[in-house]
Each structure stands twice: as C-alpha cells, then as structure tokens.
Amino acid sequence: MEGPHLTNARRHGERAQATDPDFALVQPGKRARSWLFGLVVALPLVLIGASHLLDDGEAGAGPFFAVAGICVLAWAGLDRLMRRHRLKLGDGMLEVATSLYTRRLPLSELDLERARVVDLGERPEYRPMLRTNGMSLPGFHSGWYRLRSGGKALVATAGGKRLLWVPTHAGHDLVLQPADPRALLERLRAMAAGAASR
C-alpha cells in the first residue's frame, strides 16, 4: 500500500511529465501560418478586389470591407485553433488535443510494444494521405486521416519527418510530432509498466 508521500511524489512526477518540453507537440511554424493567412485573407481579398475593378467600382467599397472583416475574423479563429496543439500525460492517460480534436486514451489502450519512431522519408506508409475530417496546410496536419498504408489515424504534426507512430486497441493509430519522439515513447512505456505493476 502506498503512503501519502509516495502518492504525492507520483502526482508531482506526472505534472512534470505533462509540462516537459521534450513531450510537447511541435507547434505550427511560420510557413503553415503564412499559408493560412494567404488562403483565408489574402486570396479572397485579391479576388474580390479584382472583381470590384472589373465592375468599374459600381458596388462601392462597402462589400469589400465587409468581406475583409469576415476574412480576418475567420483567420484569427483558425489561427487560434492551430495553436491548440498539445499533449498531456497523467493519471494513466494520454491526451492529444489538436485544433478541433481531443482524444483521451488510457495507456492500456496504446499498443506500446509495436509503437515506434518513424522517419517518413524511409517509411512513407505512415504518411497522412487522405484527410477524412481535419485541417491540412503545408507544414501542418491535424485531425483524422487515412495513412498511406490505409490505416485510420489521429494526426498532430507540424511538418516534420521524424514522428511517433502509436497503434491503439481503439481501431485507429496516433501519428504525433513531439519535440523528442524517442523520449515520449520511452516515457509512455515507463508509465504503462508502472501502472501494470500496481
């Protein structure tokens, strides 16, 4: 039976794991955020401006500024969602939160024996190919995808090629880009072994 000091030490260790930068997801970079701004704000405004010029300015500037406001608000909301990109470890769970999607999985549902660090240059079968419900920009993939191998996966990556692939017993895989994929895999295995030994 555990004493209160041992229980408190374990909780403190889990909090430290949850905030360890090695276990954090790599955040989307300037490239992905620039693409988002270009697609959501710049491109629509260029098209509307060109249409306005072709109409000899008959519609006035009102619609242009209204659409500009909507585009900027949409961009701000999507940019905020892109920054909702994190992992949380603790209480025997792994939580993945990325843009609109959150998945909490008990460590017992992760197939950590088969999980591995993969390089997409060498193992293209783990590459997200078909977005079924998610967000995709150059340098950012978030949500549900079919991998090149055909498997279903929750993906949270920011353009890197060295990723952590974790199959689960829940009918899908995880494809994640933490700062240190090897360190996260080792920590998950250690946590699962500790939970199994209790």
N, C-alpha and C. Protein backbone atom coordinates (compact mmCIF):
# COMPACT_ATOMS: atom_id res chain seq x y z
N MET A 1 0.85 -1.19 0.00
CA MET A 1 0.00 0.00 0.00
C MET A 1 0.88 1.24 0.00
N GLU A 2 0.51 2.23 -0.81
CA GLU A 2 1.32 3.44 -0.92
C GLU A 2 1.00 4.42 0.18
N GLY A 3 2.04 5.07 0.70
CA GLY A 3 1.83 6.15 1.65
C GLY A 3 1.53 7.45 0.93
N PRO A 4 1.07 8.48 1.67
CA PRO A 4 0.72 9.75 1.03
C PRO A 4 1.92 10.42 0.37
N HIS A 5 3.13 10.22 0.95
CA HIS A 5 4.32 10.86 0.35
C HIS A 5 4.63 10.27 -1.01
N LEU A 6 4.50 8.93 -1.14
CA LEU A 6 4.76 8.28 -2.42
C LEU A 6 3.71 8.69 -3.46
N THR A 7 2.44 8.77 -3.03
CA THR A 7 1.37 9.18 -3.94
C THR A 7 1.60 10.61 -4.41
N ASN A 8 1.97 11.51 -3.49
CA ASN A 8 2.24 12.91 -3.86
C ASN A 8 3.42 13.01 -4.81
N ALA A 9 4.46 12.20 -4.57
CA ALA A 9 5.63 12.22 -5.44
C ALA A 9 5.26 11.77 -6.85
N ARG A 10 4.40 10.73 -6.93
CA ARG A 10 3.98 10.27 -8.25
C ARG A 10 3.18 11.36 -8.97
N ARG A 11 2.27 12.03 -8.24
CA ARG A 11 1.48 13.10 -8.88
C ARG A 11 2.37 14.24 -9.35
N HIS A 12 3.37 14.58 -8.52
CA HIS A 12 4.31 15.64 -8.92
C HIS A 12 5.07 15.23 -10.18
N GLY A 13 5.49 13.95 -10.23
CA GLY A 13 6.20 13.46 -11.41
C GLY A 13 5.34 13.49 -12.65
N GLU A 14 4.04 13.16 -12.51
CA GLU A 14 3.15 13.20 -13.66
C GLU A 14 2.93 14.62 -14.14
N ARG A 15 2.84 15.59 -13.19
CA ARG A 15 2.69 17.01 -13.60
C ARG A 15 3.93 17.46 -14.35
N ALA A 16 5.12 17.04 -13.88
CA ALA A 16 6.36 17.42 -14.56
C ALA A 16 6.40 16.82 -15.96
N GLN A 17 5.93 15.57 -16.09
CA GLN A 17 5.91 14.94 -17.41
C GLN A 17 4.98 15.69 -18.35
N ALA A 18 3.85 16.15 -17.82
CA ALA A 18 2.87 16.83 -18.67
C ALA A 18 3.41 18.13 -19.23
N THR A 19 4.37 18.76 -18.52
CA THR A 19 4.89 20.04 -18.99
C THR A 19 6.31 19.94 -19.55
N ASP A 20 6.90 18.75 -19.59
CA ASP A 20 8.25 18.59 -20.10
C ASP A 20 8.28 18.97 -21.58
N PRO A 21 9.17 19.89 -21.99
CA PRO A 21 9.18 20.31 -23.40
C PRO A 21 9.52 19.19 -24.37
N ASP A 22 10.22 18.15 -23.92
CA ASP A 22 10.52 17.02 -24.81
C ASP A 22 9.25 16.28 -25.23
N PHE A 23 8.21 16.35 -24.38
CA PHE A 23 6.97 15.64 -24.67
C PHE A 23 5.93 16.52 -25.35
N ALA A 24 6.22 17.80 -25.52
CA ALA A 24 5.26 18.73 -26.13
C ALA A 24 5.23 18.53 -27.64
N LEU A 25 4.05 18.72 -28.23
CA LEU A 25 3.95 18.69 -29.68
C LEU A 25 4.67 19.90 -30.27
N VAL A 26 5.36 19.67 -31.38
CA VAL A 26 5.98 20.78 -32.11
C VAL A 26 4.86 21.67 -32.64
N GLN A 27 4.98 22.96 -32.39
CA GLN A 27 3.94 23.90 -32.79
C GLN A 27 4.05 24.26 -34.26
N PRO A 28 2.92 24.60 -34.91
CA PRO A 28 2.99 25.00 -36.32
C PRO A 28 3.89 26.22 -36.49
N GLY A 29 4.70 26.22 -37.54
CA GLY A 29 5.65 27.29 -37.77
C GLY A 29 5.08 28.41 -38.64
N LYS A 30 5.98 29.33 -38.99
CA LYS A 30 5.56 30.49 -39.79
C LYS A 30 5.04 30.07 -41.15
N ARG A 31 5.60 29.01 -41.71
CA ARG A 31 5.17 28.57 -43.04
C ARG A 31 3.68 28.22 -43.04
N ALA A 32 3.26 27.37 -42.09
CA ALA A 32 1.86 26.96 -42.04
C ALA A 32 0.95 28.15 -41.75
N ARG A 33 1.38 29.02 -40.85
CA ARG A 33 0.54 30.16 -40.50
C ARG A 33 0.47 31.16 -41.65
N SER A 34 1.53 31.28 -42.44
CA SER A 34 1.50 32.14 -43.62
C SER A 34 0.54 31.59 -44.67
N TRP A 35 0.57 30.28 -44.86
CA TRP A 35 -0.37 29.66 -45.79
C TRP A 35 -1.81 29.92 -45.35
N LEU A 36 -2.06 29.79 -44.06
CA LEU A 36 -3.41 30.03 -43.55
C LEU A 36 -3.84 31.47 -43.85
N PHE A 37 -2.97 32.45 -43.58
CA PHE A 37 -3.30 33.84 -43.85
C PHE A 37 -3.54 34.06 -45.35
N GLY A 38 -2.69 33.46 -46.17
CA GLY A 38 -2.83 33.64 -47.61
C GLY A 38 -4.14 33.09 -48.15
N LEU A 39 -4.52 31.90 -47.67
CA LEU A 39 -5.74 31.25 -48.17
C LEU A 39 -7.02 31.88 -47.63
N VAL A 40 -6.97 32.32 -46.37
CA VAL A 40 -8.20 32.80 -45.72
C VAL A 40 -8.39 34.31 -45.86
N VAL A 41 -7.29 35.06 -45.96
CA VAL A 41 -7.42 36.53 -46.03
C VAL A 41 -6.95 37.07 -47.38
N ALA A 42 -5.70 36.83 -47.73
CA ALA A 42 -5.13 37.48 -48.91
C ALA A 42 -5.82 37.06 -50.21
N LEU A 43 -5.99 35.77 -50.44
CA LEU A 43 -6.57 35.30 -51.69
C LEU A 43 -8.01 35.80 -51.88
N PRO A 44 -8.90 35.65 -50.89
CA PRO A 44 -10.26 36.19 -51.10
C PRO A 44 -10.27 37.69 -51.38
N LEU A 45 -9.41 38.44 -50.68
CA LEU A 45 -9.43 39.90 -50.89
C LEU A 45 -8.88 40.28 -52.26
N VAL A 46 -7.89 39.55 -52.75
CA VAL A 46 -7.39 39.81 -54.10
C VAL A 46 -8.48 39.51 -55.13
N LEU A 47 -9.19 38.40 -54.96
CA LEU A 47 -10.26 38.04 -55.90
C LEU A 47 -11.40 39.05 -55.87
N ILE A 48 -11.77 39.49 -54.67
CA ILE A 48 -12.85 40.48 -54.56
C ILE A 48 -12.41 41.82 -55.13
N GLY A 49 -11.15 42.20 -54.86
CA GLY A 49 -10.63 43.45 -55.40
C GLY A 49 -10.60 43.44 -56.92
N ALA A 50 -10.18 42.29 -57.50
CA ALA A 50 -10.15 42.17 -58.95
C ALA A 50 -11.56 42.24 -59.53
N SER A 51 -12.51 41.58 -58.86
CA SER A 51 -13.90 41.63 -59.31
C SER A 51 -14.45 43.05 -59.23
N HIS A 52 -14.08 43.75 -58.18
CA HIS A 52 -14.52 45.14 -57.99
C HIS A 52 -14.00 46.03 -59.12
N LEU A 53 -12.74 45.81 -59.50
CA LEU A 53 -12.16 46.60 -60.60
C LEU A 53 -12.84 46.30 -61.92
N LEU A 54 -13.18 45.01 -62.14
CA LEU A 54 -13.84 44.62 -63.39
C LEU A 54 -15.26 45.20 -63.49
N ASP A 55 -15.88 45.43 -62.35
CA ASP A 55 -17.23 46.02 -62.32
C ASP A 55 -17.18 47.54 -62.35
N ASP A 56 -16.02 48.11 -62.59
CA ASP A 56 -15.82 49.56 -62.59
C ASP A 56 -16.20 50.21 -61.27
N GLY A 57 -16.09 49.44 -60.19
CA GLY A 57 -16.34 50.01 -58.87
C GLY A 57 -17.79 50.38 -58.60
N GLU A 58 -18.73 49.79 -59.37
CA GLU A 58 -20.14 50.15 -59.20
C GLU A 58 -20.70 49.76 -57.83
N ALA A 59 -20.19 48.66 -57.27
CA ALA A 59 -20.73 48.19 -55.99
C ALA A 59 -20.25 49.02 -54.81
N GLY A 60 -19.26 49.85 -54.99
CA GLY A 60 -18.71 50.62 -53.88
C GLY A 60 -17.77 49.79 -53.04
N ALA A 61 -17.18 50.42 -52.04
CA ALA A 61 -16.18 49.75 -51.22
C ALA A 61 -16.78 49.01 -50.03
N GLY A 62 -18.07 49.22 -49.76
CA GLY A 62 -18.71 48.59 -48.59
C GLY A 62 -18.57 47.09 -48.55
N PRO A 63 -18.95 46.37 -49.64
CA PRO A 63 -18.83 44.91 -49.61
C PRO A 63 -17.39 44.43 -49.41
N PHE A 64 -16.44 45.14 -49.99
CA PHE A 64 -15.04 44.75 -49.84
C PHE A 64 -14.63 44.76 -48.37
N PHE A 65 -14.97 45.85 -47.66
CA PHE A 65 -14.57 45.94 -46.26
C PHE A 65 -15.33 44.96 -45.38
N ALA A 66 -16.59 44.66 -45.76
CA ALA A 66 -17.36 43.67 -45.00
C ALA A 66 -16.71 42.29 -45.13
N VAL A 67 -16.35 41.93 -46.37
CA VAL A 67 -15.71 40.63 -46.59
C VAL A 67 -14.34 40.59 -45.93
N ALA A 68 -13.61 41.71 -45.98
CA ALA A 68 -12.29 41.78 -45.33
C ALA A 68 -12.42 41.51 -43.84
N GLY A 69 -13.44 42.09 -43.22
CA GLY A 69 -13.65 41.85 -41.78
C GLY A 69 -13.95 40.40 -41.48
N ILE A 70 -14.79 39.79 -42.31
CA ILE A 70 -15.13 38.37 -42.11
C ILE A 70 -13.90 37.49 -42.28
N CYS A 71 -13.10 37.79 -43.31
CA CYS A 71 -11.88 37.00 -43.56
C CYS A 71 -10.90 37.10 -42.39
N VAL A 72 -10.71 38.30 -41.87
CA VAL A 72 -9.78 38.49 -40.76
C VAL A 72 -10.27 37.74 -39.52
N LEU A 73 -11.58 37.80 -39.25
CA LEU A 73 -12.13 37.07 -38.10
C LEU A 73 -11.97 35.56 -38.27
N ALA A 74 -12.23 35.07 -39.48
CA ALA A 74 -12.06 33.64 -39.75
C ALA A 74 -10.61 33.23 -39.56
N TRP A 75 -9.68 34.04 -40.08
CA TRP A 75 -8.26 33.73 -39.94
C TRP A 75 -7.85 33.70 -38.46
N ALA A 76 -8.33 34.70 -37.69
CA ALA A 76 -7.96 34.74 -36.27
C ALA A 76 -8.46 33.50 -35.54
N GLY A 77 -9.68 33.05 -35.85
CA GLY A 77 -10.22 31.85 -35.21
C GLY A 77 -9.45 30.60 -35.59
N LEU A 78 -9.15 30.45 -36.88
CA LEU A 78 -8.41 29.27 -37.33
C LEU A 78 -6.97 29.28 -36.82
N ASP A 79 -6.36 30.46 -36.76
CA ASP A 79 -5.00 30.56 -36.23
C ASP A 79 -4.97 30.14 -34.76
N ARG A 80 -5.99 30.53 -34.03
CA ARG A 80 -6.06 30.14 -32.62
C ARG A 80 -6.22 28.62 -32.50
N LEU A 81 -7.04 28.04 -33.37
CA LEU A 81 -7.21 26.59 -33.35
C LEU A 81 -5.90 25.87 -33.68
N MET A 82 -5.13 26.42 -34.62
CA MET A 82 -3.84 25.80 -34.97
C MET A 82 -2.91 25.75 -33.76
N ARG A 83 -3.01 26.75 -32.89
CA ARG A 83 -2.12 26.80 -31.73
C ARG A 83 -2.64 25.92 -30.59
N ARG A 84 -3.82 25.34 -30.74
CA ARG A 84 -4.33 24.36 -29.78
C ARG A 84 -3.78 22.99 -30.20
N HIS A 85 -2.56 22.75 -29.84
CA HIS A 85 -1.79 21.63 -30.37
C HIS A 85 -0.90 21.13 -29.24
N ARG A 86 -1.38 20.14 -28.47
CA ARG A 86 -0.63 19.76 -27.27
C ARG A 86 -0.90 18.31 -26.88
N LEU A 87 0.00 17.81 -26.03
CA LEU A 87 -0.13 16.50 -25.39
C LEU A 87 -0.20 16.70 -23.89
N LYS A 88 -0.90 15.80 -23.23
CA LYS A 88 -0.93 15.83 -21.77
C LYS A 88 -0.81 14.39 -21.28
N LEU A 89 0.11 14.17 -20.34
CA LEU A 89 0.31 12.87 -19.72
C LEU A 89 -0.08 12.95 -18.26
N GLY A 90 -0.74 11.93 -17.77
CA GLY A 90 -1.04 11.91 -16.34
C GLY A 90 -2.26 11.05 -16.05
N ASP A 91 -2.34 10.57 -14.81
CA ASP A 91 -3.46 9.74 -14.35
C ASP A 91 -3.67 8.53 -15.26
N GLY A 92 -2.57 7.96 -15.76
CA GLY A 92 -2.68 6.78 -16.60
C GLY A 92 -3.29 7.04 -17.97
N MET A 93 -3.26 8.31 -18.40
CA MET A 93 -3.89 8.69 -19.66
C MET A 93 -2.91 9.45 -20.54
N LEU A 94 -3.15 9.38 -21.85
CA LEU A 94 -2.51 10.26 -22.83
C LEU A 94 -3.63 11.06 -23.48
N GLU A 95 -3.52 12.38 -23.41
CA GLU A 95 -4.50 13.25 -24.07
C GLU A 95 -3.82 13.96 -25.23
N VAL A 96 -4.42 13.86 -26.40
CA VAL A 96 -3.95 14.57 -27.60
C VAL A 96 -5.01 15.61 -27.94
N ALA A 97 -4.59 16.88 -27.99
CA ALA A 97 -5.50 17.96 -28.39
C ALA A 97 -4.85 18.68 -29.56
N THR A 98 -5.57 18.74 -30.68
CA THR A 98 -5.05 19.40 -31.87
C THR A 98 -6.20 20.02 -32.64
N SER A 99 -6.14 21.32 -32.85
CA SER A 99 -7.20 22.12 -33.48
C SER A 99 -8.56 21.76 -32.87
N LEU A 100 -9.47 21.20 -33.63
CA LEU A 100 -10.83 20.91 -33.11
C LEU A 100 -10.94 19.57 -32.39
N TYR A 101 -9.87 18.82 -32.33
CA TYR A 101 -9.97 17.42 -31.93
C TYR A 101 -9.24 17.16 -30.61
N THR A 102 -9.91 16.39 -29.74
CA THR A 102 -9.30 15.96 -28.49
C THR A 102 -9.60 14.48 -28.30
N ARG A 103 -8.57 13.75 -27.95
CA ARG A 103 -8.74 12.31 -27.71
C ARG A 103 -7.98 11.95 -26.44
N ARG A 104 -8.70 11.35 -25.48
CA ARG A 104 -8.07 10.88 -24.23
C ARG A 104 -8.07 9.35 -24.27
N LEU A 105 -6.87 8.80 -24.14
CA LEU A 105 -6.72 7.35 -24.21
C LEU A 105 -6.02 6.82 -22.96
N PRO A 106 -6.60 5.83 -22.30
CA PRO A 106 -5.85 5.16 -21.23
C PRO A 106 -4.60 4.51 -21.81
N LEU A 107 -3.53 4.48 -21.04
CA LEU A 107 -2.30 3.86 -21.53
C LEU A 107 -2.52 2.40 -21.92
N SER A 108 -3.49 1.75 -21.28
CA SER A 108 -3.76 0.34 -21.59
C SER A 108 -4.32 0.18 -23.01
N GLU A 109 -4.84 1.26 -23.61
CA GLU A 109 -5.36 1.19 -24.98
C GLU A 109 -4.28 1.41 -26.03
N LEU A 110 -3.09 1.81 -25.59
CA LEU A 110 -1.99 2.05 -26.53
C LEU A 110 -1.18 0.77 -26.71
N ASP A 111 -0.90 0.41 -27.95
CA ASP A 111 -0.07 -0.76 -28.23
C ASP A 111 1.39 -0.31 -28.28
N LEU A 112 1.96 -0.13 -27.09
CA LEU A 112 3.30 0.45 -26.99
C LEU A 112 4.40 -0.54 -27.37
N GLU A 113 4.06 -1.83 -27.43
CA GLU A 113 5.05 -2.80 -27.92
C GLU A 113 5.36 -2.57 -29.39
N ARG A 114 4.34 -2.24 -30.17
CA ARG A 114 4.52 -2.04 -31.61
C ARG A 114 4.84 -0.59 -31.97
N ALA A 115 4.58 0.34 -31.06
CA ALA A 115 4.82 1.76 -31.35
C ALA A 115 6.28 1.98 -31.70
N ARG A 116 6.53 2.96 -32.58
CA ARG A 116 7.92 3.23 -32.97
C ARG A 116 8.07 4.66 -33.46
N VAL A 117 9.31 5.11 -33.42
CA VAL A 117 9.68 6.38 -34.04
C VAL A 117 9.93 6.09 -35.51
N VAL A 118 9.30 6.88 -36.39
CA VAL A 118 9.42 6.62 -37.83
C VAL A 118 9.93 7.86 -38.55
N ASP A 119 10.67 7.62 -39.60
CA ASP A 119 11.12 8.68 -40.50
C ASP A 119 10.31 8.52 -41.79
N LEU A 120 9.51 9.53 -42.13
CA LEU A 120 8.64 9.42 -43.29
C LEU A 120 9.42 9.25 -44.59
N GLY A 121 10.67 9.72 -44.62
CA GLY A 121 11.49 9.51 -45.80
C GLY A 121 11.80 8.05 -46.03
N GLU A 122 11.91 7.28 -44.93
CA GLU A 122 12.23 5.86 -45.02
C GLU A 122 10.99 4.98 -44.93
N ARG A 123 9.94 5.47 -44.24
CA ARG A 123 8.73 4.68 -44.03
C ARG A 123 7.50 5.48 -44.48
N PRO A 124 7.32 5.66 -45.79
CA PRO A 124 6.23 6.50 -46.29
C PRO A 124 4.84 5.94 -46.00
N GLU A 125 4.75 4.67 -45.58
CA GLU A 125 3.43 4.11 -45.29
C GLU A 125 2.76 4.78 -44.09
N TYR A 126 3.53 5.50 -43.28
CA TYR A 126 2.96 6.21 -42.13
C TYR A 126 2.57 7.66 -42.47
N ARG A 127 2.74 8.05 -43.71
CA ARG A 127 2.44 9.44 -44.12
C ARG A 127 0.92 9.64 -44.20
N PRO A 128 0.40 10.73 -43.60
CA PRO A 128 -1.03 11.05 -43.77
C PRO A 128 -1.30 11.38 -45.24
N MET A 129 -2.29 10.69 -45.82
CA MET A 129 -2.56 10.87 -47.25
C MET A 129 -3.95 11.47 -47.50
N LEU A 130 -4.98 10.87 -46.94
CA LEU A 130 -6.35 11.29 -47.22
C LEU A 130 -6.95 11.89 -45.95
N ARG A 131 -7.24 13.18 -45.99
CA ARG A 131 -7.87 13.83 -44.84
C ARG A 131 -9.35 13.47 -44.85
N THR A 132 -9.83 12.84 -43.78
CA THR A 132 -11.24 12.49 -43.69
C THR A 132 -12.01 13.49 -42.84
N ASN A 133 -11.35 14.11 -41.87
CA ASN A 133 -12.01 15.12 -41.02
C ASN A 133 -10.90 15.84 -40.27
N GLY A 134 -10.40 16.89 -40.86
CA GLY A 134 -9.28 17.57 -40.21
C GLY A 134 -8.87 18.83 -40.93
N MET A 135 -7.70 19.30 -40.59
CA MET A 135 -7.15 20.55 -41.12
C MET A 135 -5.78 20.23 -41.72
N SER A 136 -5.56 20.70 -42.94
CA SER A 136 -4.30 20.39 -43.60
C SER A 136 -3.77 21.62 -44.33
N LEU A 137 -2.53 21.96 -44.03
CA LEU A 137 -1.81 23.04 -44.69
C LEU A 137 -0.37 22.57 -44.87
N PRO A 138 0.38 23.13 -45.82
CA PRO A 138 1.80 22.79 -45.87
C PRO A 138 2.46 23.10 -44.52
N GLY A 139 3.00 22.07 -43.89
CA GLY A 139 3.62 22.25 -42.58
C GLY A 139 2.69 22.07 -41.41
N PHE A 140 1.48 21.54 -41.64
CA PHE A 140 0.56 21.32 -40.51
C PHE A 140 -0.52 20.32 -40.92
N HIS A 141 -0.66 19.26 -40.11
CA HIS A 141 -1.73 18.28 -40.29
C HIS A 141 -2.37 18.02 -38.93
N SER A 142 -3.68 18.13 -38.88
CA SER A 142 -4.40 17.98 -37.63
C SER A 142 -5.73 17.30 -37.89
N GLY A 143 -6.04 16.26 -37.12
CA GLY A 143 -7.33 15.61 -37.24
C GLY A 143 -7.23 14.19 -37.75
N TRP A 144 -8.30 13.74 -38.39
CA TRP A 144 -8.41 12.34 -38.80
C TRP A 144 -8.01 12.17 -40.27
N TYR A 145 -7.16 11.19 -40.50
CA TYR A 145 -6.61 10.92 -41.83
C TYR A 145 -6.57 9.42 -42.08
N ARG A 146 -6.48 9.07 -43.34
CA ARG A 146 -6.07 7.73 -43.74
C ARG A 146 -4.59 7.81 -44.08
N LEU A 147 -3.82 6.90 -43.51
CA LEU A 147 -2.40 6.85 -43.81
C LEU A 147 -2.19 6.20 -45.17
N ARG A 148 -1.00 6.32 -45.68
CA ARG A 148 -0.68 5.71 -46.97
C ARG A 148 -0.87 4.20 -46.91
N SER A 149 -0.68 3.63 -45.74
CA SER A 149 -0.88 2.18 -45.55
C SER A 149 -2.35 1.80 -45.56
N GLY A 150 -3.26 2.80 -45.47
CA GLY A 150 -4.70 2.54 -45.44
C GLY A 150 -5.30 2.64 -44.05
N GLY A 151 -4.47 2.66 -43.01
CA GLY A 151 -4.98 2.73 -41.65
C GLY A 151 -5.55 4.10 -41.30
N LYS A 152 -6.46 4.11 -40.33
CA LYS A 152 -7.05 5.36 -39.83
C LYS A 152 -6.18 5.89 -38.70
N ALA A 153 -5.97 7.21 -38.66
CA ALA A 153 -5.10 7.77 -37.62
C ALA A 153 -5.54 9.17 -37.23
N LEU A 154 -5.37 9.47 -35.94
CA LEU A 154 -5.46 10.84 -35.46
C LEU A 154 -4.05 11.42 -35.60
N VAL A 155 -3.94 12.49 -36.37
CA VAL A 155 -2.64 13.06 -36.73
C VAL A 155 -2.49 14.43 -36.10
N ALA A 156 -1.31 14.69 -35.53
CA ALA A 156 -0.97 16.00 -34.98
C ALA A 156 0.49 16.26 -35.29
N THR A 157 0.74 16.86 -36.47
CA THR A 157 2.12 17.09 -36.90
C THR A 157 2.28 18.51 -37.41
N ALA A 158 3.53 18.96 -37.45
CA ALA A 158 3.83 20.34 -37.87
C ALA A 158 4.94 20.35 -38.92
N GLY A 159 4.86 19.41 -39.85
CA GLY A 159 5.77 19.45 -40.99
C GLY A 159 7.04 18.63 -40.87
N GLY A 160 7.26 17.99 -39.73
CA GLY A 160 8.47 17.20 -39.55
C GLY A 160 8.36 15.83 -40.20
N LYS A 161 9.50 15.19 -40.41
CA LYS A 161 9.52 13.85 -41.00
C LYS A 161 9.76 12.78 -39.95
N ARG A 162 10.26 13.15 -38.75
CA ARG A 162 10.54 12.17 -37.70
C ARG A 162 9.38 12.22 -36.70
N LEU A 163 8.56 11.18 -36.72
CA LEU A 163 7.30 11.18 -35.98
C LEU A 163 7.21 9.97 -35.07
N LEU A 164 6.24 10.03 -34.17
CA LEU A 164 5.94 8.88 -33.31
C LEU A 164 4.63 8.26 -33.78
N TRP A 165 4.70 6.98 -34.15
CA TRP A 165 3.51 6.22 -34.55
C TRP A 165 3.13 5.30 -33.41
N VAL A 166 1.87 5.42 -32.95
CA VAL A 166 1.39 4.59 -31.85
C VAL A 166 0.09 3.93 -32.28
N PRO A 167 0.11 2.61 -32.53
CA PRO A 167 -1.17 1.93 -32.78
C PRO A 167 -1.95 1.82 -31.47
N THR A 168 -3.25 1.74 -31.57
CA THR A 168 -4.08 1.61 -30.37
C THR A 168 -4.99 0.39 -30.51
N HIS A 169 -5.64 0.04 -29.41
CA HIS A 169 -6.64 -1.03 -29.41
C HIS A 169 -8.03 -0.44 -29.64
N ALA A 170 -8.09 0.83 -30.04
CA ALA A 170 -9.37 1.52 -30.24
C ALA A 170 -9.73 1.65 -31.71
N GLY A 171 -9.03 0.95 -32.60
CA GLY A 171 -9.38 0.96 -34.01
C GLY A 171 -8.72 2.05 -34.83
N HIS A 172 -7.74 2.73 -34.27
CA HIS A 172 -7.03 3.76 -35.02
C HIS A 172 -5.63 3.90 -34.47
N ASP A 173 -4.78 4.61 -35.20
CA ASP A 173 -3.41 4.89 -34.77
C ASP A 173 -3.31 6.35 -34.34
N LEU A 174 -2.19 6.68 -33.71
CA LEU A 174 -1.80 8.07 -33.45
C LEU A 174 -0.53 8.34 -34.24
N VAL A 175 -0.47 9.47 -34.92
CA VAL A 175 0.75 9.91 -35.58
C VAL A 175 1.04 11.30 -35.04
N LEU A 176 2.10 11.40 -34.23
CA LEU A 176 2.38 12.61 -33.47
C LEU A 176 3.78 13.13 -33.76
N GLN A 177 3.94 14.44 -33.58
CA GLN A 177 5.28 15.04 -33.73
C GLN A 177 5.65 15.77 -32.44
N PRO A 178 6.08 15.02 -31.42
CA PRO A 178 6.61 15.67 -30.22
C PRO A 178 8.02 16.19 -30.48
N ALA A 179 8.49 17.03 -29.58
CA ALA A 179 9.85 17.58 -29.73
C ALA A 179 10.88 16.46 -29.75
N ASP A 180 10.68 15.43 -28.93
CA ASP A 180 11.59 14.29 -28.88
C ASP A 180 10.76 13.01 -28.92
N PRO A 181 10.50 12.46 -30.12
CA PRO A 181 9.65 11.27 -30.22
C PRO A 181 10.15 10.09 -29.40
N ARG A 182 11.47 9.86 -29.39
CA ARG A 182 12.03 8.73 -28.63
C ARG A 182 11.79 8.90 -27.13
N ALA A 183 11.98 10.12 -26.61
CA ALA A 183 11.78 10.37 -25.19
C ALA A 183 10.32 10.15 -24.81
N LEU A 184 9.39 10.59 -25.66
CA LEU A 184 7.97 10.40 -25.35
C LEU A 184 7.62 8.92 -25.35
N LEU A 185 8.11 8.17 -26.33
CA LEU A 185 7.81 6.73 -26.37
C LEU A 185 8.35 6.04 -25.13
N GLU A 186 9.57 6.36 -24.73
CA GLU A 186 10.15 5.74 -23.54
C GLU A 186 9.35 6.10 -22.29
N ARG A 187 8.89 7.35 -22.20
CA ARG A 187 8.09 7.77 -21.04
C ARG A 187 6.76 7.04 -21.02
N LEU A 188 6.10 6.91 -22.17
CA LEU A 188 4.83 6.19 -22.21
C LEU A 188 5.01 4.74 -21.79
N ARG A 189 6.09 4.11 -22.26
CA ARG A 189 6.34 2.72 -21.88
C ARG A 189 6.62 2.59 -20.39
N ALA A 190 7.36 3.54 -19.84
CA ALA A 190 7.66 3.52 -18.40
C ALA A 190 6.39 3.72 -17.59
N MET A 191 5.55 4.64 -18.02
CA MET A 191 4.29 4.89 -17.30
C MET A 191 3.39 3.67 -17.36
N ALA A 192 3.31 3.05 -18.54
CA ALA A 192 2.45 1.87 -18.69
C ALA A 192 2.97 0.72 -17.84
N ALA A 193 4.30 0.54 -17.79
CA ALA A 193 4.87 -0.53 -16.96
C ALA A 193 4.61 -0.26 -15.49
N GLY A 194 4.72 1.02 -15.09
CA GLY A 194 4.44 1.36 -13.69
C GLY A 194 2.99 1.12 -13.34
N ALA A 195 2.07 1.43 -14.24
CA ALA A 195 0.65 1.23 -13.99
C ALA A 195 0.33 -0.25 -13.91
N ALA A 196 0.98 -1.06 -14.76
CA ALA A 196 0.71 -2.51 -14.77
C ALA A 196 1.25 -3.20 -13.53
N SER A 197 2.29 -2.64 -12.90
CA SER A 197 2.90 -3.28 -11.74
C SER A 197 2.16 -2.97 -10.44
N ARG A 198 1.21 -2.03 -10.48
CA ARG A 198 0.48 -1.68 -9.26
C ARG A 198 -0.57 -2.73 -8.93
